[in-house]
Amino acid sequence: MFTNNVLAFLGGLGGWEVLLILVVVLVLFGAKRIPELARGLGQGIREFKNATNDIKNEIEGSVREEPAPKRPVYKEESTSERPTVK
């Protein structure tokens, strides 16, 4: 059951098909080259994640820095302050 959830992104591929793909990758790239490829892929994903976090922080920072536009305050005049006309 756990294997089915992990390999769900592969669609309808079964265990034998996945094993065959892994063997072909091993033959093409060799045992020494696969860890280097995985390390490079991990660094690329990490850099992408850091860049997206930087952009997110920059956007959030600019939103916080901009003050909300102030609305004018209108004071209501009381009747005692109005000049009387005689």
Protein backbone atom coordinates (compact mmCIF):
# COMPACT_ATOMS: atom_id res chain seq x y z
CA MET A 1 0.00 0.00 0.00
CA PHE A 2 2.79 2.43 0.88
CA THR A 3 4.57 1.63 -2.40
CA ASN A 4 1.42 2.42 -4.35
CA ASN A 5 1.17 5.86 -2.73
CA VAL A 6 4.84 6.66 -3.28
CA LEU A 7 4.79 5.56 -6.92
CA ALA A 8 1.42 7.16 -7.65
CA PHE A 9 3.10 9.86 -9.76
CA LEU A 10 4.23 7.16 -12.20
CA GLY A 11 0.68 6.44 -13.27
CA GLY A 12 -0.01 2.88 -14.33
CA LEU A 13 3.57 1.63 -14.08
CA GLY A 14 3.99 -1.48 -12.01
CA GLY A 15 6.91 -2.65 -9.93
CA TRP A 16 8.66 -4.46 -12.78
CA GLU A 17 8.46 -1.45 -15.07
CA VAL A 18 9.95 0.82 -12.42
CA LEU A 19 12.73 -1.71 -11.77
CA LEU A 20 13.49 -1.88 -15.49
CA ILE A 21 13.69 1.93 -15.70
CA LEU A 22 16.07 2.02 -12.71
CA VAL A 23 18.32 -0.62 -14.32
CA VAL A 24 18.42 1.32 -17.60
CA VAL A 25 19.31 4.53 -15.73
CA LEU A 26 22.05 2.67 -13.86
CA VAL A 27 23.49 1.29 -17.11
CA LEU A 28 23.35 4.66 -18.90
CA PHE A 29 24.81 6.84 -16.18
CA GLY A 30 26.82 4.41 -14.07
CA ALA A 31 26.88 3.94 -10.32
CA LYS A 32 29.27 6.84 -9.66
CA ARG A 33 27.35 9.39 -11.73
CA ILE A 34 23.88 8.85 -10.19
CA PRO A 35 24.71 10.39 -6.77
CA GLU A 36 26.23 13.42 -8.54
CA LEU A 37 23.05 13.84 -10.60
CA ALA A 38 20.87 13.53 -7.51
CA ARG A 39 23.04 16.04 -5.63
CA GLY A 40 22.80 18.53 -8.50
CA LEU A 41 19.04 18.07 -8.69
CA GLY A 42 18.76 18.64 -4.95
CA GLN A 43 20.83 21.84 -5.15
CA GLY A 44 18.67 23.10 -8.02
CA ILE A 45 15.49 22.46 -6.07
CA ARG A 46 16.97 24.14 -2.98
CA GLU A 47 18.00 27.24 -4.99
CA PHE A 48 14.54 27.45 -6.57
CA LYS A 49 12.90 27.20 -3.15
CA ASN A 50 15.19 29.91 -1.72
CA ALA A 51 14.46 32.19 -4.67
CA THR A 52 10.70 31.77 -4.26
CA ASN A 53 11.00 32.48 -0.52
CA ASP A 54 13.06 35.62 -1.24
CA ILE A 55 10.45 36.87 -3.69
CA LYS A 56 7.67 36.10 -1.21
CA ASN A 57 9.48 37.97 1.59
CA GLU A 58 10.16 40.93 -0.71
CA ILE A 59 6.49 41.17 -1.66
CA GLU A 60 5.34 40.88 1.95
CA GLY A 61 7.90 43.50 3.02
CA SER A 62 6.75 45.97 0.40
CA VAL A 63 3.13 45.50 1.44
CA ARG A 64 4.02 46.21 5.07
CA GLU A 65 6.09 49.30 4.21
CA GLU A 66 3.34 51.03 2.25
CA PRO A 67 1.08 52.89 4.67
CA ALA A 68 -2.60 52.75 4.10
CA PRO A 69 -3.98 55.88 2.47
CA LYS A 70 -5.35 58.21 5.11
CA ARG A 71 -8.90 59.34 4.76
CA PRO A 72 -9.64 62.96 5.55
CA VAL A 73 -11.34 63.54 8.85
CA TYR A 74 -14.32 65.85 8.73
CA LYS A 75 -15.27 67.51 11.96
CA GLU A 76 -18.88 68.33 12.45
CA GLU A 77 -19.43 71.86 13.59
CA SER A 78 -21.59 72.30 16.62
CA THR A 79 -24.33 74.92 16.66
CA SER A 80 -22.66 76.91 19.44
CA GLU A 81 -19.54 77.52 17.34
CA ARG A 82 -21.43 78.91 14.36
CA PRO A 83 -21.66 82.65 14.11
CA THR A 84 -25.11 84.00 14.55
CA VAL A 85 -26.50 86.53 12.16
CA LYS A 86 -28.67 89.26 13.67
